[in-house]
C-alpha atoms as a PDB file:
ATOM      1  CA  UNK A   1     235.129  23.944 -60.433  1.00  0.00           C
ATOM      2  CA  UNK A   2     236.738  20.832 -58.938  1.00  0.00           C
ATOM      3  CA  UNK A   3     234.833  18.986 -55.956  1.00  0.00           C
ATOM      4  CA  UNK A   4     237.026  17.272 -53.368  1.00  0.00           C
ATOM      5  CA  UNK A   5     235.685  13.789 -52.256  1.00  0.00           C
ATOM      6  CA  UNK A   6     237.990  13.202 -49.447  1.00  0.00           C
ATOM      7  CA  UNK A   7     240.642  15.455 -47.705  1.00  0.00           C
ATOM      8  CA  UNK A   8     243.160  14.245 -44.961  1.00  0.00           C
ATOM      9  CA  UNK A   9     244.185  17.119 -42.799  1.00  0.00           C
ATOM     10  CA  UNK A  10     246.868  17.018 -40.196  1.00  0.00           C
ATOM     11  CA  UNK A  11     248.047  19.230 -37.410  1.00  0.00           C
ATOM     12  CA  UNK A  12     244.576  20.656 -37.338  1.00  0.00           C
ATOM     13  CA  UNK A  13     245.125  22.578 -34.050  1.00  0.00           C
ATOM     14  CA  UNK A  14     241.349  21.695 -33.438  1.00  0.00           C
ATOM     15  CA  UNK A  15     239.726  21.603 -29.909  1.00  0.00           C
ATOM     16  CA  UNK A  16     236.597  19.602 -29.004  1.00  0.00           C
ATOM     17  CA  UNK A  17     234.545  22.355 -30.481  1.00  0.00           C
ATOM     18  CA  UNK A  18     233.047  20.944 -33.672  1.00  0.00           C
ATOM     19  CA  UNK A  19     232.346  22.684 -37.025  1.00  0.00           C
ATOM     20  CA  UNK A  20     230.396  21.979 -40.149  1.00  0.00           C
ATOM     21  CA  UNK A  21     231.112  22.279 -43.861  1.00  0.00           C
ATOM     22  CA  UNK A  22     227.946  22.215 -46.139  1.00  0.00           C
ATOM     23  CA  UNK A  23     227.759  18.871 -48.088  1.00  0.00           C
ATOM     24  CA  UNK A  24     230.691  17.402 -46.173  1.00  0.00           C
ATOM     25  CA  UNK A  25     231.087  15.405 -43.135  1.00  0.00           C
ATOM     26  CA  UNK A  26     233.919  16.131 -40.719  1.00  0.00           C
ATOM     27  CA  UNK A  27     235.488  13.653 -38.498  1.00  0.00           C
ATOM     28  CA  UNK A  28     238.453  15.029 -36.273  1.00  0.00           C
ATOM     29  CA  UNK A  29     240.507  13.826 -33.546  1.00  0.00           C
ATOM     30  CA  UNK A  30     242.384  16.213 -31.126  1.00  0.00           C
ATOM     31  CA  UNK A  31     245.377  16.091 -28.891  1.00  0.00           C
ATOM     32  CA  UNK A  32     244.546  14.283 -25.559  1.00  0.00           C
ATOM     33  CA  UNK A  33     245.034  17.544 -23.570  1.00  0.00           C
ATOM     34  CA  UNK A  34     242.257  19.376 -25.718  1.00  0.00           C
ATOM     35  CA  UNK A  35     244.577  22.290 -26.475  1.00  0.00           C
ATOM     36  CA  UNK A  36     245.003  23.859 -29.887  1.00  0.00           C
ATOM     37  CA  UNK A  37     247.862  21.764 -31.241  1.00  0.00           C
ATOM     38  CA  UNK A  38     248.307  18.431 -33.094  1.00  0.00           C
ATOM     39  CA  UNK A  39     245.297  16.372 -34.288  1.00  0.00           C
ATOM     40  CA  UNK A  40     243.986  15.131 -37.529  1.00  0.00           C
ATOM     41  CA  UNK A  41     240.785  15.175 -39.512  1.00  0.00           C
ATOM     42  CA  UNK A  42     239.024  13.431 -42.332  1.00  0.00           C
ATOM     43  CA  UNK A  43     236.583  15.541 -44.416  1.00  0.00           C
ATOM     44  CA  UNK A  44     234.461  13.711 -47.100  1.00  0.00           C
ATOM     45  CA  UNK A  45     231.488  14.336 -49.273  1.00  0.00           C
ATOM     46  CA  UNK A  46     228.415  13.553 -47.361  1.00  0.00           C
ATOM     47  CA  UNK A  47     227.121  11.419 -50.366  1.00  0.00           C
ATOM     48  CA  UNK A  48     229.915   8.945 -50.055  1.00  0.00           C
ATOM     49  CA  UNK A  49     228.868   5.796 -48.193  1.00  0.00           C
ATOM     50  CA  UNK A  50     230.931   5.197 -44.934  1.00  0.00           C
ATOM     51  CA  UNK A  51     230.975   4.984 -41.234  1.00  0.00           C
ATOM     52  CA  UNK A  52     233.263   6.342 -38.738  1.00  0.00           C
ATOM     53  CA  UNK A  53     235.917   4.164 -36.980  1.00  0.00           C
ATOM     54  CA  UNK A  54     237.133   4.601 -33.448  1.00  0.00           C
ATOM     55  CA  UNK A  55     239.666   7.366 -32.980  1.00  0.00           C
ATOM     56  CA  UNK A  56     243.093   6.708 -31.900  1.00  0.00           C
ATOM     57  CA  UNK A  57     244.365   9.383 -29.649  1.00  0.00           C
ATOM     58  CA  UNK A  58     247.612   9.433 -27.681  1.00  0.00           C
ATOM     59  CA  UNK A  59     250.598  11.859 -27.154  1.00  0.00           C
ATOM     60  CA  UNK A  60     252.249   9.959 -29.840  1.00  0.00           C
ATOM     61  CA  UNK A  61     249.375   9.461 -32.635  1.00  0.00           C
ATOM     62  CA  UNK A  62     246.268  11.425 -33.176  1.00  0.00           C
ATOM     63  CA  UNK A  63     244.235   9.655 -35.904  1.00  0.00           C
ATOM     64  CA  UNK A  64     240.698  10.002 -37.500  1.00  0.00           C
ATOM     65  CA  UNK A  65     239.609   7.113 -39.516  1.00  0.00           C
ATOM     66  CA  UNK A  66     236.526   6.033 -41.669  1.00  0.00           C
ATOM     67  CA  UNK A  67     235.576   2.890 -43.395  1.00  0.00           C
ATOM     68  CA  UNK A  68     234.398   3.153 -46.821  1.00  0.00           C
ATOM     69  CA  UNK A  69     231.675   0.951 -48.379  1.00  0.00           C
ATOM     70  CA  UNK A  70     233.810   0.196 -51.467  1.00  0.00           C
ATOM     71  CA  UNK A  71     233.130  -2.790 -53.719  1.00  0.00           C
ATOM     72  CA  UNK A  72     234.615  -5.348 -53.836  1.00  0.00           C
ATOM     73  CA  UNK A  73     236.262  -4.630 -50.637  1.00  0.00           C
ATOM     74  CA  UNK A  74     235.786  -1.975 -48.034  1.00  0.00           C
ATOM     75  CA  UNK A  75     238.829   0.262 -47.232  1.00  0.00           C
ATOM     76  CA  UNK A  76     239.761   2.192 -44.387  1.00  0.00           C
ATOM     77  CA  UNK A  77     240.992   5.743 -44.881  1.00  0.00           C
ATOM     78  CA  UNK A  78     242.919   7.445 -41.918  1.00  0.00           C
ATOM     79  CA  UNK A  79     244.487  10.873 -41.330  1.00  0.00           C
ATOM     80  CA  UNK A  80     247.339  10.831 -38.769  1.00  0.00           C
ATOM     81  CA  UNK A  81     249.601  13.378 -36.886  1.00  0.00           C
ATOM     82  CA  UNK A  82     252.508  12.441 -35.034  1.00  0.00           C
ATOM     83  CA  UNK A  83     254.379  15.049 -33.050  1.00  0.00           C
ATOM     84  CA  UNK A  84     258.021  15.283 -33.765  1.00  0.00           C
ATOM     85  CA  UNK A  85     259.321  14.539 -30.430  1.00  0.00           C
ATOM     86  CA  UNK A  86     257.753  11.097 -29.981  1.00  0.00           C
ATOM     87  CA  UNK A  87     258.865   7.908 -31.614  1.00  0.00           C
ATOM     88  CA  UNK A  88     256.438   5.297 -32.495  1.00  0.00           C
ATOM     89  CA  UNK A  89     256.871   2.077 -30.570  1.00  0.00           C
ATOM     90  CA  UNK A  90     255.410  -1.451 -30.875  1.00  0.00           C
ATOM     91  CA  UNK A  91     252.955  -0.422 -28.240  1.00  0.00           C
ATOM     92  CA  UNK A  92     251.511   1.954 -31.028  1.00  0.00           C
ATOM     93  CA  UNK A  93     251.015  -1.046 -33.310  1.00  0.00           C
ATOM     94  CA  UNK A  94     247.524  -1.599 -32.013  1.00  0.00           C
ATOM     95  CA  UNK A  95     246.474   1.360 -33.943  1.00  0.00           C
ATOM     96  CA  UNK A  96     247.878  -0.103 -37.187  1.00  0.00           C
ATOM     97  CA  UNK A  97     246.269  -3.465 -36.454  1.00  0.00           C
ATOM     98  CA  UNK A  98     242.765  -1.937 -36.020  1.00  0.00           C
ATOM     99  CA  UNK A  99     242.958  -0.574 -39.655  1.00  0.00           C
ATOM    100  CA  UNK A 100     242.007  -4.029 -41.195  1.00  0.00           C
ATOM    101  CA  UNK A 101     243.963  -5.452 -44.418  1.00  0.00           C
ATOM    102  CA  UNK A 102     243.073  -2.819 -46.968  1.00  0.00           C
ATOM    103  CA  UNK A 103     243.855   0.823 -45.809  1.00  0.00           C
ATOM    104  CA  UNK A 104     245.345   4.152 -46.671  1.00  0.00           C
ATOM    105  CA  UNK A 105     246.961   6.573 -43.947  1.00  0.00           C
ATOM    106  CA  UNK A 106     247.838  10.062 -44.909  1.00  0.00           C
ATOM    107  CA  UNK A 107     249.386  12.539 -42.738  1.00  0.00           C
ATOM    108  CA  UNK A 108     252.497  14.005 -40.960  1.00  0.00           C
ATOM    109  CA  UNK A 109     254.626  11.456 -39.423  1.00  0.00           C
ATOM    110  CA  UNK A 110     257.299  13.976 -38.667  1.00  0.00           C
ATOM    111  CA  UNK A 111     260.029  11.533 -39.549  1.00  0.00           C
ATOM    112  CA  UNK A 112     262.944  13.461 -41.114  1.00  0.00           C
ATOM    113  CA  UNK A 113     265.943  11.991 -42.739  1.00  0.00           C
ATOM    114  CA  UNK A 114     268.547  13.798 -44.921  1.00  0.00           C
ATOM    115  CA  UNK A 115     268.419  10.935 -47.326  1.00  0.00           C
ATOM    116  CA  UNK A 116     264.912  11.837 -47.916  1.00  0.00           C
ATOM    117  CA  UNK A 117     265.893  15.667 -48.706  1.00  0.00           C
ATOM    118  CA  UNK A 118     265.445  16.756 -45.201  1.00  0.00           C
ATOM    119  CA  UNK A 119     267.802  19.326 -43.773  1.00  0.00           C
ATOM    120  CA  UNK A 120     268.177  17.024 -40.639  1.00  0.00           C
ATOM    121  CA  UNK A 121     267.682  13.663 -39.498  1.00  0.00           C
ATOM    122  CA  UNK A 122     265.129  13.173 -36.397  1.00  0.00           C
ATOM    123  CA  UNK A 123     265.094  10.045 -34.223  1.00  0.00           C
ATOM    124  CA  UNK A 124     261.990   9.046 -35.932  1.00  0.00           C
ATOM    125  CA  UNK A 125     263.436   9.222 -39.337  1.00  0.00           C
ATOM    126  CA  UNK A 126     266.531   7.093 -38.180  1.00  0.00           C
ATOM    127  CA  UNK A 127     263.972   4.506 -37.083  1.00  0.00           C
ATOM    128  CA  UNK A 128     261.952   4.695 -40.142  1.00  0.00           C
ATOM    129  CA  UNK A 129     264.926   4.151 -42.603  1.00  0.00           C
END
């Protein structure tokens, strides 16, 4: 049986209601309107040394982040969800600056570009290319 150490979940559809998974710690961030859409979560084995970082929550980005006590350098792990209709602007770069110098972000950016194999190109995909 495989045991997962860290899972990054996007478009969770969670609300402010919390839940528990035995032997795991769950950090989730919801859409600002507390409706069941969007959102992101980091789920990690409880035995991993870490602490939770501040959530980043806007209509454009929902992110849950943790800081791992990793040697020789601490690192940030973040789950992110970006709704398709919003393009990330320079105003949102405060989120990326808050992650430190060593980080991993996994999630659904909703940036589609036909050159990447998508069936269509979105404004966010054009900006990313």
